[in-house]
Amino acid sequence: MSSDSSLLLEVQNLKVYFPVFKGILHRQDGEIRAVDDVSFTIPRGKTIGLLGESGSGKTTIGRTVVKLIKLTSGKIFYQGQNIGAMNEAAFHPWRKKIQMVFQDPHSSLHPKLTIGSMISEALEIHFPKMSRLDRQERVASLLVKVGLKPEMMKLYPHEFSGGQRQRISIARSLAVEPELLICDEPVSALDVSVQAQIINLLKDLQEELGLAMLFIGHDLAVIKHISDSVLVLHSGKIVESGPAHQVLEHPEHPYTQTLLAAVPTM
């Protein structure tokens, strides 16, 4: 673990292997090495872009950091605490510090709950002493912060567009005052014009709130626009890393060069 106080998250030699079972007896017949010895850091207030094609392991990394997937080995430090070794009860106080924005806002929002109820639920869990009125005011403030109207808290997810639903997901993540957002391809399911709006919203929120972000994606233009540094992931391993402009304008690894070559030019 580094003693650098500017580091928010430090991942050391992370491995996430999934067993493969075969036969009637369901015996293990191998393993899938989804993440294989990955190390990186995220400084406070910075965005690290995690770039790779589908199946490269990037989403697994994000979900492992927030303990939705169990690590096989390695360490994950948050503010010097080894959260990777914590059980759910021990990790609970830290969960509000690290929030995730998922790829598909439609599936991540409960269809039978109003927007206000969903955001308020997170406040009830992490701030149990907050009054109902304070929660309502906090929800209204969050909706305004992400470009929506307070009266929308009475509506249901199906009454919103895809871009609006992603704004709601971001508001819900911000409700518990996180320091780190794990953004798992948050704009890939949106129209190009809406993508730009959400990316600019995230950048504005980062500047206003001092957020750090791990931004997972496969779109090089998006990654370059939002990231300070980039990690290129291939088959569960980081093959190249560095400042975003350096990696994406002057790639050294053949895999990164292949990714760039595959981008259509006008």
Protein backbone atom coordinates (compact mmCIF):
# COMPACT_ATOMS: atom_id res chain seq x y z
CA MET A 1 0.00 0.00 0.00
CA SER A 2 1.28 3.46 -0.94
CA SER A 3 1.61 6.17 1.72
CA ASP A 4 0.63 8.85 -0.84
CA SER A 5 -2.36 10.69 0.68
CA SER A 6 -3.45 11.95 -2.75
CA LEU A 7 -4.41 8.39 -3.74
CA LEU A 8 -8.03 7.48 -3.21
CA LEU A 9 -8.01 3.93 -4.59
CA GLU A 10 -5.11 1.53 -5.02
CA VAL A 11 -5.56 -1.87 -6.69
CA GLN A 12 -2.68 -4.31 -6.30
CA ASN A 13 -2.25 -7.52 -8.33
CA LEU A 14 -6.00 -8.06 -8.69
CA LYS A 15 -7.07 -11.45 -9.99
CA VAL A 16 -10.64 -12.53 -10.62
CA TYR A 17 -11.02 -16.10 -11.88
CA PHE A 18 -14.33 -17.84 -12.57
CA PRO A 19 -14.43 -21.66 -12.34
CA VAL A 20 -15.70 -23.67 -15.30
CA PHE A 21 -17.69 -26.80 -14.46
CA LYS A 22 -18.47 -29.71 -16.77
CA GLY A 23 -20.18 -33.07 -16.76
CA ILE A 24 -23.00 -34.63 -14.81
CA LEU A 25 -20.97 -34.43 -11.60
CA HIS A 26 -20.39 -30.73 -12.18
CA ARG A 27 -16.66 -30.95 -11.56
CA GLN A 28 -14.40 -28.00 -12.13
CA ASP A 29 -12.69 -28.33 -15.50
CA GLY A 30 -10.74 -25.10 -15.66
CA GLU A 31 -11.17 -21.42 -15.05
CA ILE A 32 -11.77 -18.16 -16.87
CA ARG A 33 -9.16 -15.56 -15.97
CA ALA A 34 -11.38 -12.50 -16.32
CA VAL A 35 -8.89 -10.24 -14.52
CA ASP A 36 -5.29 -11.38 -14.33
CA ASP A 37 -2.82 -9.49 -12.12
CA VAL A 38 -4.08 -5.92 -12.61
CA SER A 39 -2.66 -2.99 -10.64
CA PHE A 40 -3.53 0.71 -10.84
CA THR A 41 -4.25 3.77 -8.71
CA ILE A 42 -6.85 6.52 -8.81
CA PRO A 43 -5.85 9.90 -7.34
CA ARG A 44 -8.41 12.17 -5.71
CA GLY A 45 -10.42 14.22 -8.20
CA LYS A 46 -9.02 12.47 -11.28
CA THR A 47 -10.58 10.27 -13.95
CA ILE A 48 -8.93 7.02 -14.99
CA GLY A 49 -10.26 5.62 -18.24
CA LEU A 50 -10.40 1.82 -18.50
CA LEU A 51 -10.43 0.97 -22.19
CA GLY A 52 -10.96 -2.42 -23.79
CA GLU A 53 -13.16 -4.43 -26.09
CA SER A 54 -16.12 -6.50 -24.90
CA GLY A 55 -14.96 -9.41 -22.75
CA SER A 56 -11.65 -7.81 -21.80
CA GLY A 57 -12.52 -7.83 -18.09
CA LYS A 58 -13.08 -4.12 -17.57
CA THR A 59 -16.60 -4.41 -16.14
CA THR A 60 -15.43 -7.19 -13.83
CA ILE A 61 -12.80 -4.83 -12.40
CA GLY A 62 -15.40 -2.16 -11.68
CA ARG A 63 -17.81 -4.60 -10.05
CA THR A 64 -15.02 -6.12 -7.97
CA VAL A 65 -14.01 -2.71 -6.60
CA VAL A 66 -17.58 -2.18 -5.29
CA LYS A 67 -17.70 -5.80 -4.06
CA LEU A 68 -20.42 -7.00 -6.41
CA ILE A 69 -17.92 -9.68 -7.49
CA LYS A 70 -15.54 -11.48 -5.13
CA LEU A 71 -11.86 -11.18 -5.91
CA THR A 72 -9.73 -14.31 -6.26
CA SER A 73 -6.56 -12.68 -4.99
CA GLY A 74 -4.92 -9.29 -4.71
CA LYS A 75 -5.67 -6.21 -2.64
CA ILE A 76 -7.93 -3.20 -3.02
CA PHE A 77 -7.11 -0.25 -0.78
CA TYR A 78 -9.43 2.70 -0.30
CA GLN A 79 -7.91 5.58 1.67
CA GLY A 80 -5.39 3.09 3.03
CA GLN A 81 -7.97 0.53 4.15
CA ASN A 82 -7.94 -2.93 2.57
CA ILE A 83 -11.59 -3.01 1.52
CA GLY A 84 -10.97 -6.06 -0.66
CA ALA A 85 -10.54 -8.19 2.47
CA MET A 86 -13.64 -6.85 4.24
CA ASN A 87 -16.89 -8.77 4.61
CA GLU A 88 -20.14 -6.98 3.71
CA ALA A 89 -20.78 -5.75 7.25
CA ALA A 90 -17.33 -4.21 7.56
CA PHE A 91 -17.56 -2.70 4.08
CA HIS A 92 -20.98 -1.08 4.62
CA PRO A 93 -19.65 2.25 5.96
CA TRP A 94 -17.36 2.47 2.92
CA ARG A 95 -20.03 1.64 0.35
CA LYS A 96 -21.36 5.18 0.28
CA LYS A 97 -17.86 6.41 -0.60
CA ILE A 98 -17.77 4.32 -3.79
CA GLN A 99 -20.83 4.36 -6.02
CA MET A 100 -21.48 2.79 -9.41
CA VAL A 101 -23.28 4.18 -12.46
CA PHE A 102 -24.37 1.26 -14.62
CA GLN A 103 -24.50 0.94 -18.41
CA ASP A 104 -28.25 0.43 -18.72
CA PRO A 105 -30.22 2.93 -16.61
CA HIS A 106 -33.51 1.22 -17.50
CA SER A 107 -32.56 -2.08 -15.82
CA SER A 108 -30.85 -0.40 -12.84
CA LEU A 109 -33.97 1.58 -11.85
CA HIS A 110 -36.86 -0.18 -10.11
CA PRO A 111 -39.88 0.10 -12.44
CA LYS A 112 -42.45 0.16 -9.61
CA LEU A 113 -40.84 2.89 -7.53
CA THR A 114 -40.99 6.62 -8.17
CA ILE A 115 -37.74 8.41 -8.79
CA GLY A 116 -38.06 10.19 -5.45
CA SER A 117 -38.58 6.92 -3.59
CA MET A 118 -35.49 5.33 -5.16
CA ILE A 119 -33.17 8.20 -4.35
CA SER A 120 -34.68 8.63 -0.87
CA GLU A 121 -34.15 4.92 -0.17
CA ALA A 122 -30.38 5.35 -0.48
CA LEU A 123 -30.54 8.25 1.97
CA GLU A 124 -32.53 6.18 4.46
CA ILE A 125 -29.94 3.41 4.38
CA HIS A 126 -26.83 5.54 4.73
CA PHE A 127 -28.21 8.53 6.68
CA PRO A 128 -30.84 6.96 8.98
CA LYS A 129 -31.08 10.07 11.18
CA MET A 130 -32.08 12.31 8.28
CA SER A 131 -35.68 13.48 8.54
CA ARG A 132 -38.25 12.81 5.83
CA LEU A 133 -38.39 16.52 4.95
CA ASP A 134 -34.60 16.73 4.70
CA ARG A 135 -34.58 13.68 2.44
CA GLN A 136 -37.21 15.23 0.20
CA GLU A 137 -35.23 18.47 -0.05
CA ARG A 138 -32.06 16.51 -0.79
CA VAL A 139 -33.80 14.58 -3.59
CA ALA A 140 -35.11 17.81 -5.11
CA SER A 141 -31.62 19.35 -4.96
CA LEU A 142 -30.03 16.31 -6.60
CA LEU A 143 -32.52 16.32 -9.47
CA VAL A 144 -31.73 19.97 -10.17
CA LYS A 145 -28.00 19.21 -9.99
CA VAL A 146 -28.30 16.63 -12.79
CA GLY A 147 -30.46 18.85 -14.99
CA LEU A 148 -33.95 17.62 -14.06
CA LYS A 149 -36.89 19.25 -12.26
CA PRO A 150 -37.84 18.64 -8.60
CA GLU A 151 -41.45 17.76 -9.49
CA MET A 152 -40.14 14.80 -11.50
CA MET A 153 -39.54 12.92 -8.24
CA LYS A 154 -43.19 11.78 -8.41
CA LEU A 155 -42.72 10.07 -11.79
CA TYR A 156 -41.71 6.49 -12.64
CA PRO A 157 -38.72 5.34 -14.75
CA HIS A 158 -40.81 4.50 -17.84
CA GLU A 159 -41.88 8.14 -18.04
CA PHE A 160 -38.35 9.28 -18.86
CA SER A 161 -36.08 9.08 -21.90
CA GLY A 162 -32.84 7.06 -21.83
CA GLY A 163 -30.73 10.15 -21.20
CA GLN A 164 -33.01 11.31 -18.40
CA ARG A 165 -32.89 7.87 -16.77
CA GLN A 166 -29.10 8.00 -16.77
CA ARG A 167 -29.28 11.43 -15.12
CA ILE A 168 -31.51 9.86 -12.46
CA SER A 169 -28.98 7.05 -11.95
CA ILE A 170 -26.26 9.63 -11.47
CA ALA A 171 -28.41 11.55 -8.98
CA ARG A 172 -29.02 8.37 -7.00
CA SER A 173 -25.29 7.65 -6.93
CA LEU A 174 -24.55 11.18 -5.72
CA ALA A 175 -27.19 11.03 -2.97
CA VAL A 176 -24.83 9.43 -0.45
CA GLU A 177 -22.01 11.90 -1.16
CA PRO A 178 -19.46 9.53 -2.73
CA GLU A 179 -15.84 10.37 -3.43
CA LEU A 180 -15.42 7.85 -6.26
CA LEU A 181 -17.78 6.97 -9.10
CA ILE A 182 -17.34 3.73 -11.03
CA CYS A 183 -18.94 4.52 -14.40
CA ASP A 184 -19.52 1.31 -16.36
CA GLU A 185 -20.05 2.40 -19.98
CA PRO A 186 -22.67 4.92 -18.84
CA VAL A 187 -23.28 6.40 -22.30
CA SER A 188 -22.92 3.40 -24.62
CA ALA A 189 -26.70 2.77 -24.73
CA LEU A 190 -27.50 6.42 -25.55
CA ASP A 191 -27.74 8.42 -28.77
CA VAL A 192 -24.57 10.29 -29.72
CA SER A 193 -26.04 13.73 -28.95
CA VAL A 194 -27.22 12.54 -25.54
CA GLN A 195 -23.83 10.91 -24.86
CA ALA A 196 -22.16 14.31 -25.06
CA GLN A 197 -24.66 15.78 -22.60
CA ILE A 198 -24.05 13.04 -20.03
CA ILE A 199 -20.27 13.22 -20.42
CA ASN A 200 -20.34 16.99 -19.93
CA LEU A 201 -22.60 16.54 -16.90
CA LEU A 202 -20.13 14.10 -15.34
CA LYS A 203 -17.23 16.49 -15.98
CA ASP A 204 -19.15 19.40 -14.43
CA LEU A 205 -20.10 17.33 -11.38
CA GLN A 206 -16.51 16.17 -10.99
CA GLU A 207 -15.26 19.75 -10.95
CA GLU A 208 -18.00 20.91 -8.58
CA LEU A 209 -17.81 18.01 -6.12
CA GLY A 210 -14.17 16.95 -6.46
CA LEU A 211 -15.12 13.45 -7.54
CA ALA A 212 -12.71 10.79 -8.73
CA MET A 213 -13.91 8.44 -11.47
CA LEU A 214 -13.06 5.09 -12.96
CA PHE A 215 -14.64 5.44 -16.40
CA ILE A 216 -15.08 2.11 -18.16
CA GLY A 217 -15.67 2.11 -21.90
CA HIS A 218 -14.72 1.03 -25.39
CA ASP A 219 -15.32 4.31 -27.26
CA LEU A 220 -11.92 5.92 -27.71
CA ALA A 221 -13.31 9.42 -28.32
CA VAL A 222 -15.34 9.33 -25.11
CA ILE A 223 -12.44 7.91 -23.07
CA LYS A 224 -10.06 10.54 -24.44
CA HIS A 225 -12.49 13.39 -23.72
CA ILE A 226 -13.16 12.54 -20.10
CA SER A 227 -9.99 10.81 -18.83
CA ASP A 228 -6.82 12.17 -17.29
CA SER A 229 -5.06 8.80 -17.65
CA VAL A 230 -5.92 5.63 -19.55
CA LEU A 231 -5.47 1.92 -18.86
CA VAL A 232 -5.78 -0.37 -21.87
CA LEU A 233 -7.07 -3.81 -20.94
CA HIS A 234 -6.72 -6.91 -23.10
CA SER A 235 -7.72 -10.43 -21.99
CA GLY A 236 -7.74 -9.41 -18.34
CA LYS A 237 -4.31 -7.73 -18.39
CA ILE A 238 -3.26 -4.09 -18.63
CA VAL A 239 -1.13 -3.83 -21.76
CA GLU A 240 -0.59 -0.06 -21.81
CA SER A 241 -1.15 2.90 -19.51
CA GLY A 242 -0.33 6.57 -19.30
CA PRO A 243 -1.74 10.06 -19.85
CA ALA A 244 -4.84 9.92 -22.08
CA HIS A 245 -3.43 12.05 -24.89
CA GLN A 246 -0.19 10.07 -24.95
CA VAL A 247 -1.78 6.61 -25.03
CA LEU A 248 -4.49 7.49 -27.55
CA GLU A 249 -2.42 9.66 -29.87
CA HIS A 250 0.87 7.78 -29.73
CA PRO A 251 0.09 4.17 -28.71
CA GLU A 252 3.02 1.84 -28.22
CA HIS A 253 1.37 -1.55 -27.69
CA PRO A 254 0.13 -3.42 -30.81
CA TYR A 255 -3.28 -4.02 -29.21
CA THR A 256 -3.81 -0.30 -28.56
CA GLN A 257 -2.68 0.42 -32.11
CA THR A 258 -5.24 -2.09 -33.38
CA LEU A 259 -8.01 -0.42 -31.37
CA LEU A 260 -7.14 2.96 -32.83
CA ALA A 261 -6.88 1.57 -36.35
CA ALA A 262 -10.40 0.16 -36.03
CA VAL A 263 -11.91 3.62 -35.44
CA PRO A 264 -13.61 4.81 -38.65
CA THR A 265 -12.32 8.08 -40.10
CA MET A 266 -14.43 10.67 -41.88
